[in-house]
N, C-alpha and C. Protein backbone atom coordinates (compact mmCIF):
# COMPACT_ATOMS: atom_id res chain seq x y z
N UNK A 1 0.96 -1.04 0.04
CA UNK A 1 0.13 0.14 0.02
C UNK A 1 0.85 1.09 -0.04
N UNK A 2 0.41 2.14 -0.76
CA UNK A 2 1.16 3.66 -0.80
C UNK A 2 0.58 4.27 0.40
N UNK A 3 1.14 5.52 0.86
CA UNK A 3 1.09 6.32 1.76
C UNK A 3 0.07 6.96 1.65
N UNK A 4 -0.15 7.59 0.13
CA UNK A 4 -1.04 8.51 -0.28
C UNK A 4 -2.68 7.92 -0.30
N UNK A 5 -2.75 6.51 -0.62
CA UNK A 5 -3.90 6.04 -0.80
C UNK A 5 -4.66 5.94 0.72
N UNK A 6 -5.82 6.17 0.71
CA UNK A 6 -6.84 6.06 2.08
C UNK A 6 -7.19 4.51 1.99
N UNK A 7 -7.16 4.41 3.40
CA UNK A 7 -7.38 2.88 3.89
C UNK A 7 -9.14 2.83 3.55
N UNK A 8 -9.25 1.63 2.82
CA UNK A 8 -10.80 1.42 2.91
C UNK A 8 -11.05 0.11 3.31
N UNK A 9 -12.21 -0.24 3.80
CA UNK A 9 -12.54 -1.71 4.24
C UNK A 9 -13.32 -2.51 3.30
N UNK A 10 -13.51 -2.00 1.78
CA UNK A 10 -14.00 -2.49 1.00
C UNK A 10 -13.20 -3.54 0.33
N UNK A 11 -13.77 -4.67 -0.16
CA UNK A 11 -12.68 -5.42 -0.77
C UNK A 11 -12.54 -5.31 -2.11
N UNK A 12 -11.70 -5.66 -2.83
CA UNK A 12 -11.61 -5.62 -4.25
C UNK A 12 -11.97 -6.32 -4.99
N UNK A 13 -12.66 -6.46 -5.99
CA UNK A 13 -13.21 -7.64 -6.78
C UNK A 13 -12.23 -7.75 -7.97
N UNK A 14 -12.02 -8.91 -8.10
CA UNK A 14 -10.96 -9.18 -9.33
C UNK A 14 -11.93 -10.21 -10.05
N UNK A 15 -12.23 -10.02 -11.42
CA UNK A 15 -12.63 -10.81 -12.52
C UNK A 15 -11.78 -11.64 -13.06
N UNK A 16 -12.63 -13.33 -13.01
CA UNK A 16 -11.73 -14.35 -13.68
C UNK A 16 -12.12 -14.51 -14.92
N UNK A 17 -13.27 -14.05 -15.17
CA UNK A 17 -13.81 -14.20 -16.66
C UNK A 17 -14.98 -13.33 -17.09
N UNK A 18 -15.59 -13.52 -18.22
CA UNK A 18 -16.47 -12.62 -18.45
C UNK A 18 -17.78 -12.79 -17.63
N UNK A 19 -18.36 -11.40 -17.46
CA UNK A 19 -19.50 -11.20 -16.49
C UNK A 19 -20.62 -11.91 -17.03
N UNK A 20 -21.49 -12.59 -16.05
CA UNK A 20 -22.62 -13.26 -16.49
C UNK A 20 -23.79 -12.60 -15.82
N UNK A 21 -24.86 -12.19 -16.80
CA UNK A 21 -25.76 -11.58 -16.03
C UNK A 21 -26.65 -12.25 -15.03
N UNK A 22 -27.23 -11.59 -14.22
CA UNK A 22 -27.93 -12.24 -13.38
C UNK A 22 -29.10 -13.08 -13.61
N UNK A 23 -29.20 -14.12 -12.89
CA UNK A 23 -30.50 -15.04 -13.47
C UNK A 23 -31.76 -14.35 -13.35
N UNK A 24 -32.29 -14.49 -14.44
CA UNK A 24 -33.78 -14.01 -14.37
C UNK A 24 -34.75 -14.89 -13.82
N UNK A 25 -35.66 -14.68 -12.72
CA UNK A 25 -36.67 -15.51 -12.39
C UNK A 25 -37.54 -15.91 -13.84
N UNK A 26 -38.14 -17.09 -13.58
CA UNK A 26 -39.05 -17.35 -14.61
C UNK A 26 -40.53 -16.94 -14.22
N UNK A 27 -41.31 -17.29 -15.10
CA UNK A 27 -42.77 -16.71 -14.95
C UNK A 27 -43.48 -17.00 -13.81
N UNK A 28 -43.26 -18.36 -13.49
CA UNK A 28 -43.87 -18.78 -12.25
C UNK A 28 -43.24 -18.22 -10.99
N UNK A 29 -41.91 -18.22 -10.99
CA UNK A 29 -41.22 -17.64 -9.74
C UNK A 29 -41.47 -16.20 -9.73
N UNK A 30 -41.64 -15.36 -10.60
CA UNK A 30 -41.97 -14.00 -10.24
C UNK A 30 -43.39 -13.71 -9.88
N UNK A 31 -44.19 -14.46 -10.40
CA UNK A 31 -45.55 -14.24 -10.09
C UNK A 31 -45.53 -14.78 -8.38
N UNK A 32 -44.97 -15.77 -8.14
CA UNK A 32 -44.93 -16.50 -6.68
C UNK A 32 -44.52 -15.14 -5.77
N UNK A 33 -43.47 -14.44 -6.02
CA UNK A 33 -42.68 -13.45 -5.29
C UNK A 33 -43.51 -12.46 -5.05
N UNK A 34 -44.44 -12.13 -5.98
CA UNK A 34 -45.24 -10.67 -6.26
C UNK A 34 -46.30 -10.64 -5.17
N UNK A 35 -46.49 -9.77 -4.49
CA UNK A 35 -47.88 -9.87 -3.49
C UNK A 35 -49.16 -9.57 -4.25
N UNK A 36 -49.98 -10.37 -3.75
CA UNK A 36 -51.35 -10.26 -4.40
C UNK A 36 -52.11 -9.02 -4.21
N UNK A 37 -52.60 -8.31 -5.33
CA UNK A 37 -53.20 -6.98 -5.24
C UNK A 37 -54.74 -7.16 -4.99
N UNK A 38 -55.20 -6.68 -4.03
CA UNK A 38 -56.67 -6.89 -3.61
C UNK A 38 -57.49 -5.88 -4.74
N UNK A 39 -58.57 -6.29 -4.57
CA UNK A 39 -59.70 -5.28 -5.49
C UNK A 39 -59.84 -4.03 -5.06
N UNK A 40 -59.59 -3.61 -3.65
CA UNK A 40 -59.61 -2.38 -3.31
C UNK A 40 -58.52 -1.44 -3.97
N UNK A 41 -57.54 -1.96 -3.89
CA UNK A 41 -56.13 -1.24 -4.39
C UNK A 41 -56.27 -1.25 -6.07
N UNK A 42 -57.26 -1.97 -6.73
CA UNK A 42 -57.46 -1.74 -8.22
C UNK A 42 -58.58 -0.86 -8.16
N UNK A 43 -59.27 -0.44 -7.47
CA UNK A 43 -60.69 0.40 -7.69
C UNK A 43 -60.51 1.64 -6.69
N UNK A 44 -59.35 1.77 -5.97
CA UNK A 44 -58.93 3.06 -5.47
C UNK A 44 -59.38 4.22 -5.58
N UNK A 45 -58.71 4.60 -6.63
CA UNK A 45 -58.93 5.85 -7.52
C UNK A 45 -60.05 5.92 -8.53
N UNK A 46 -60.72 7.13 -8.56
CA UNK A 46 -62.05 7.42 -9.35
C UNK A 46 -61.23 7.71 -10.71
N UNK A 47 -62.00 6.67 -11.76
CA UNK A 47 -61.44 6.81 -13.11
C UNK A 47 -61.70 8.22 -13.80
N UNK A 48 -61.30 8.46 -14.96
CA UNK A 48 -61.41 9.73 -15.69
C UNK A 48 -62.65 9.85 -15.89
N UNK A 49 -63.39 8.64 -16.72
CA UNK A 49 -64.67 8.61 -17.16
C UNK A 49 -65.68 8.98 -16.18
N UNK A 50 -65.26 8.40 -14.95
CA UNK A 50 -66.29 8.55 -13.82
C UNK A 50 -66.29 10.17 -13.28
N UNK A 51 -65.17 10.72 -13.32
CA UNK A 51 -64.88 12.14 -13.37
C UNK A 51 -65.78 13.06 -14.09
N UNK A 52 -65.56 12.61 -15.58
CA UNK A 52 -66.30 13.30 -16.65
C UNK A 52 -67.96 12.88 -16.33
N UNK A 53 -68.48 12.01 -16.08
CA UNK A 53 -69.74 11.74 -15.99
C UNK A 53 -70.50 12.56 -14.66
N UNK A 54 -69.44 12.57 -13.88
CA UNK A 54 -70.12 13.47 -12.70
C UNK A 54 -70.10 15.14 -13.10
N UNK A 55 -68.99 15.42 -13.61
CA UNK A 55 -69.03 16.92 -14.34
C UNK A 55 -69.99 17.18 -15.16
N UNK A 56 -70.29 16.35 -16.20
CA UNK A 56 -71.50 16.45 -16.97
C UNK A 56 -72.81 16.74 -16.49
N UNK A 57 -73.01 15.89 -15.46
CA UNK A 57 -74.29 15.82 -14.69
C UNK A 57 -74.45 17.10 -13.72
N UNK A 58 -73.43 17.55 -13.19
CA UNK A 58 -73.54 18.61 -12.17
C UNK A 58 -73.56 19.77 -13.37
N UNK A 59 -73.05 19.99 -14.42
CA UNK A 59 -72.92 21.11 -15.41
C UNK A 59 -74.54 20.99 -15.83
N UNK A 60 -75.26 19.77 -16.34
CA UNK A 60 -76.58 20.10 -16.90
C UNK A 60 -77.60 20.35 -15.85
N UNK A 61 -77.35 19.86 -14.56
CA UNK A 61 -78.06 20.49 -13.43
C UNK A 61 -78.24 21.98 -12.88
N UNK A 62 -77.01 22.29 -13.27
CA UNK A 62 -76.75 23.90 -13.16
C UNK A 62 -77.48 24.56 -14.12
N UNK A 63 -77.40 24.27 -15.25
CA UNK A 63 -77.81 24.49 -16.50
C UNK A 63 -79.27 24.84 -16.70
N UNK A 64 -79.82 23.55 -16.05
CA UNK A 64 -81.43 23.28 -16.11
C UNK A 64 -81.68 24.35 -15.21
N UNK A 65 -81.39 24.71 -14.07
CA UNK A 65 -81.78 25.73 -12.96
C UNK A 65 -81.61 27.26 -13.52
N UNK A 66 -80.58 27.38 -14.38
CA UNK A 66 -80.26 29.00 -15.01
C UNK A 66 -81.08 29.00 -16.16
N UNK A 67 -81.93 28.07 -16.84
CA UNK A 67 -82.84 28.16 -17.66
C UNK A 67 -82.25 27.70 -19.33
N UNK A 68 -80.90 27.36 -19.28
CA UNK A 68 -80.48 26.70 -20.54
C UNK A 68 -80.72 25.30 -20.90
N UNK A 69 -81.68 24.68 -21.00
CA UNK A 69 -82.30 23.45 -21.37
C UNK A 69 -81.60 22.87 -22.38
N UNK A 70 -81.25 23.50 -23.72
CA UNK A 70 -81.03 22.71 -24.83
C UNK A 70 -79.43 22.49 -24.45
N UNK A 71 -78.45 23.07 -24.04
CA UNK A 71 -77.01 22.82 -23.38
C UNK A 71 -77.23 21.79 -22.46
N UNK A 72 -78.21 21.83 -21.42
CA UNK A 72 -78.18 20.69 -20.48
C UNK A 72 -78.72 19.52 -20.82
N UNK A 73 -79.38 19.56 -22.05
CA UNK A 73 -79.81 18.19 -22.69
C UNK A 73 -78.58 17.46 -23.31
N UNK A 74 -77.78 18.45 -24.04
CA UNK A 74 -76.67 17.89 -24.81
C UNK A 74 -75.60 17.20 -23.75
N UNK A 75 -75.57 17.88 -22.52
CA UNK A 75 -74.44 17.38 -21.62
C UNK A 75 -75.14 16.27 -21.07
N UNK A 76 -76.56 15.72 -20.80
CA UNK A 76 -76.87 14.68 -20.47
C UNK A 76 -76.74 13.43 -21.16
N UNK A 77 -76.83 13.94 -22.75
CA UNK A 77 -76.66 12.91 -24.07
C UNK A 77 -75.30 12.35 -24.08
N UNK A 78 -74.27 13.33 -23.90
CA UNK A 78 -72.92 12.96 -23.78
C UNK A 78 -72.60 12.09 -22.63
N UNK A 79 -73.11 12.47 -21.48
CA UNK A 79 -72.69 11.63 -20.71
C UNK A 79 -73.17 10.33 -20.39
N UNK A 80 -74.50 10.14 -21.35
CA UNK A 80 -75.19 8.59 -21.66
C UNK A 80 -74.39 7.91 -22.55
N UNK A 81 -73.59 8.49 -23.48
CA UNK A 81 -72.67 8.01 -24.84
C UNK A 81 -71.44 7.62 -24.04
N UNK A 82 -70.92 8.47 -23.10
CA UNK A 82 -69.49 8.11 -22.45
C UNK A 82 -69.91 6.88 -21.67
N UNK A 83 -70.94 6.76 -20.81
CA UNK A 83 -71.31 5.57 -20.18
C UNK A 83 -71.48 4.21 -20.91
N UNK A 84 -72.18 4.55 -21.73
CA UNK A 84 -72.09 3.46 -22.96
C UNK A 84 -70.75 2.95 -23.58
N UNK A 85 -70.01 3.76 -23.98
CA UNK A 85 -68.83 3.49 -24.58
C UNK A 85 -67.84 2.87 -23.51
N UNK A 86 -67.71 3.34 -22.20
CA UNK A 86 -66.98 2.89 -21.27
C UNK A 86 -67.41 1.52 -20.55
N UNK A 87 -68.51 1.13 -20.95
CA UNK A 87 -69.25 -0.01 -20.11
C UNK A 87 -69.32 0.38 -18.73
N UNK A 88 -70.04 1.47 -18.16
CA UNK A 88 -70.19 1.79 -16.87
C UNK A 88 -71.65 2.02 -16.81
N UNK A 89 -72.10 1.60 -15.49
CA UNK A 89 -73.72 2.11 -15.23
C UNK A 89 -73.74 3.29 -14.46
N UNK A 90 -74.72 4.27 -14.92
CA UNK A 90 -74.95 5.14 -14.38
C UNK A 90 -75.52 5.22 -13.05
N UNK A 91 -75.43 5.92 -11.96
CA UNK A 91 -75.82 5.78 -10.50
C UNK A 91 -77.39 5.87 -10.94
N UNK A 92 -78.14 5.20 -9.69
CA UNK A 92 -79.52 4.88 -9.72
C UNK A 92 -80.02 6.47 -9.59
N UNK A 93 -79.45 7.47 -8.81
CA UNK A 93 -79.88 8.73 -8.71
C UNK A 93 -80.23 9.65 -10.03
N UNK A 94 -79.04 9.36 -10.79
CA UNK A 94 -78.80 9.95 -12.01
C UNK A 94 -79.81 9.34 -12.97
N UNK A 95 -79.99 8.20 -12.83
CA UNK A 95 -81.29 7.53 -13.68
C UNK A 95 -82.22 8.23 -13.55
N UNK A 96 -82.72 8.15 -12.37
CA UNK A 96 -84.25 8.76 -11.90
C UNK A 96 -84.46 10.07 -12.03
N UNK A 97 -83.44 10.91 -12.20
CA UNK A 97 -83.63 12.16 -12.39
C UNK A 97 -83.20 13.00 -13.75
N UNK A 98 -83.23 11.98 -14.80
CA UNK A 98 -82.93 12.29 -16.09
C UNK A 98 -84.11 11.52 -16.89
N UNK A 99 -84.63 12.16 -18.01
CA UNK A 99 -85.63 11.86 -18.65
C UNK A 99 -84.94 10.66 -19.78
N UNK A 100 -85.83 9.71 -20.01
CA UNK A 100 -85.10 8.73 -20.87
C UNK A 100 -85.48 9.11 -22.46
N UNK A 101 -86.45 9.74 -22.58
CA UNK A 101 -86.93 10.10 -23.79
C UNK A 101 -86.03 11.43 -24.57
N UNK A 102 -85.95 12.36 -23.75
CA UNK A 102 -85.48 13.67 -24.23
C UNK A 102 -84.00 13.94 -23.40
N UNK A 103 -83.78 13.01 -22.67
CA UNK A 103 -82.57 13.15 -21.74
C UNK A 103 -82.46 14.64 -21.01
N UNK A 104 -83.57 15.39 -20.55
CA UNK A 104 -83.58 16.30 -19.94
C UNK A 104 -83.59 15.95 -18.23
N UNK A 105 -82.94 17.08 -17.31
CA UNK A 105 -82.76 16.78 -16.05
C UNK A 105 -84.04 16.83 -15.37
N UNK A 106 -84.50 16.12 -14.64
CA UNK A 106 -86.17 16.37 -14.15
C UNK A 106 -85.73 16.82 -12.57
N UNK A 107 -86.27 18.15 -12.77
CA UNK A 107 -86.16 19.08 -11.45
C UNK A 107 -87.77 19.34 -10.99
N UNK A 108 -88.16 18.61 -10.14
CA UNK A 108 -89.62 19.06 -9.62
C UNK A 108 -90.00 20.64 -9.92
N UNK A 109 -91.14 20.82 -10.63
CA UNK A 109 -91.34 22.14 -10.64
C UNK A 109 -90.82 23.16 -11.71
N UNK A 110 -89.52 22.61 -12.25
CA UNK A 110 -88.96 23.39 -13.32
C UNK A 110 -89.21 22.61 -14.57
N UNK A 111 -88.67 21.27 -14.55
CA UNK A 111 -88.82 20.36 -15.75
C UNK A 111 -89.55 19.27 -15.64
N UNK A 112 -90.14 18.95 -14.49
CA UNK A 112 -91.19 17.90 -14.18
C UNK A 112 -92.19 18.17 -12.96
N UNK A 113 -93.36 17.16 -13.27
CA UNK A 113 -94.16 17.47 -12.20
C UNK A 113 -94.16 16.09 -11.36
N UNK A 114 -94.57 16.33 -10.06
CA UNK A 114 -94.44 14.77 -9.26
C UNK A 114 -95.80 14.84 -8.90
N UNK A 115 -96.22 13.60 -8.56
CA UNK A 115 -97.75 13.34 -7.76
C UNK A 115 -97.54 11.80 -7.36
N UNK A 116 -98.36 11.61 -6.40
CA UNK A 116 -98.11 10.49 -5.95
C UNK A 116 -99.87 9.63 -6.08
N UNK A 117 -99.61 8.32 -6.62
CA UNK A 117 -100.99 7.81 -7.05
C UNK A 117 -101.05 6.75 -6.03
N UNK A 118 -102.45 6.19 -5.74
CA UNK A 118 -102.50 5.43 -4.85
C UNK A 118 -103.65 4.32 -5.17
N UNK A 119 -103.45 3.69 -6.65
CA UNK A 119 -104.36 2.93 -7.04
C UNK A 119 -104.13 1.58 -6.22
N UNK A 120 -103.39 0.58 -6.76
CA UNK A 120 -103.07 -0.62 -6.02
C UNK A 120 -102.11 -0.42 -5.03
N UNK A 121 -100.82 -0.12 -5.70
CA UNK A 121 -99.59 0.26 -4.51
C UNK A 121 -99.52 1.62 -4.76
N UNK A 122 -98.80 2.09 -4.11
CA UNK A 122 -98.43 3.78 -3.97
C UNK A 122 -97.50 4.09 -4.83
N UNK A 123 -97.39 4.83 -5.75
CA UNK A 123 -96.15 5.16 -6.87
C UNK A 123 -96.01 6.83 -6.98
N UNK A 124 -94.71 7.10 -6.83
CA UNK A 124 -94.27 8.52 -7.45
C UNK A 124 -94.31 8.58 -8.93
N UNK A 125 -95.30 9.41 -9.33
CA UNK A 125 -95.12 9.52 -10.73
C UNK A 125 -94.72 10.66 -11.24
N UNK A 126 -93.61 10.77 -11.94
CA UNK A 126 -92.99 11.79 -12.56
C UNK A 126 -93.06 11.98 -14.02
N UNK A 127 -93.52 13.24 -14.30
CA UNK A 127 -93.88 13.54 -15.46
C UNK A 127 -93.02 14.75 -16.20
N UNK A 128 -92.30 14.37 -17.21
CA UNK A 128 -91.54 15.36 -17.96
C UNK A 128 -92.20 16.67 -18.74
N UNK A 129 -91.98 17.59 -18.55
CA UNK A 129 -92.97 19.04 -18.92
C UNK A 129 -92.20 18.89 -20.47
N UNK A 130 -91.15 18.55 -21.10
CA UNK A 130 -90.91 18.98 -22.28
C UNK A 130 -91.13 17.69 -23.21
N UNK A 131 -91.50 16.64 -22.97
CA UNK A 131 -91.69 15.47 -23.74
C UNK A 131 -92.92 14.72 -23.52
N UNK A 132 -93.37 15.02 -22.13
CA UNK A 132 -94.84 14.50 -21.41
C UNK A 132 -94.36 13.02 -21.20
N UNK A 133 -93.24 12.33 -21.13
CA UNK A 133 -92.82 10.97 -20.53
C UNK A 133 -93.26 10.83 -19.21
N UNK A 134 -93.89 9.78 -18.80
CA UNK A 134 -94.34 9.36 -17.74
C UNK A 134 -93.24 8.50 -16.74
N UNK A 135 -92.71 8.59 -15.88
CA UNK A 135 -91.93 7.50 -14.73
C UNK A 135 -92.79 7.22 -13.60
N UNK A 136 -92.39 5.81 -13.23
CA UNK A 136 -93.32 5.45 -12.18
C UNK A 136 -92.47 4.65 -11.27
N UNK A 137 -92.41 5.10 -9.84
CA UNK A 137 -91.52 4.74 -8.99
C UNK A 137 -92.09 3.89 -7.89
N UNK A 138 -92.22 2.82 -7.38
CA UNK A 138 -93.11 2.28 -6.17
C UNK A 138 -92.33 2.83 -5.06
N UNK A 139 -93.32 3.01 -4.14
CA UNK A 139 -93.38 3.45 -2.93
C UNK A 139 -93.44 2.44 -1.84
N UNK A 140 -92.52 2.05 -1.04
CA UNK A 140 -92.62 0.90 -0.37
C UNK A 140 -93.37 1.59 0.89
N UNK A 141 -94.35 0.84 1.51
CA UNK A 141 -95.06 1.34 2.79
C UNK A 141 -94.25 0.40 3.89
N UNK A 142 -94.02 1.23 4.99
CA UNK A 142 -93.49 0.50 6.25
C UNK A 142 -94.97 -0.03 7.15
N UNK A 143 -95.14 -1.49 7.20
CA UNK A 143 -96.12 -1.90 7.76
C UNK A 143 -95.94 -2.00 9.35
N UNK A 144 -94.76 -1.75 9.82
CA UNK A 144 -94.30 -1.91 11.19
C UNK A 144 -94.53 -0.54 11.99
N UNK A 145 -94.77 0.41 11.25
CA UNK A 145 -95.00 1.96 11.82
C UNK A 145 -96.36 1.95 12.37
N UNK A 146 -96.77 2.69 13.54
CA UNK A 146 -97.86 2.53 14.17
C UNK A 146 -98.39 4.03 14.38
């Protein structure tokens, strides 16, 4: 050793031949070593299409209350098409508040009328003011209430 060289505790490696690449694990070995991902990890984030659907629904709701019904209907049609293309189901509350015929947002008093009919079973009847389409939703009665 020279006096000028600092002392190190790391051993020096001398090569006796050409370097071999590290052993690559086979497909079976690599799958065994990876931790299994749960479904919660895959669906933890909200997808871009869900964000778009939410934004379009909120925008159409706002435009309906402001009186711009044409643009609001266009946004609802667009959200329906996006849901079909991305193979997603719309939320039940969104389905109940949009007209299937004209794609208008059904807001009671502005674009729809609501009434309760008591024929055989109680129903909430929603009528679209734009196209006169009628939607009926059954109302479940609680028999245990006194």
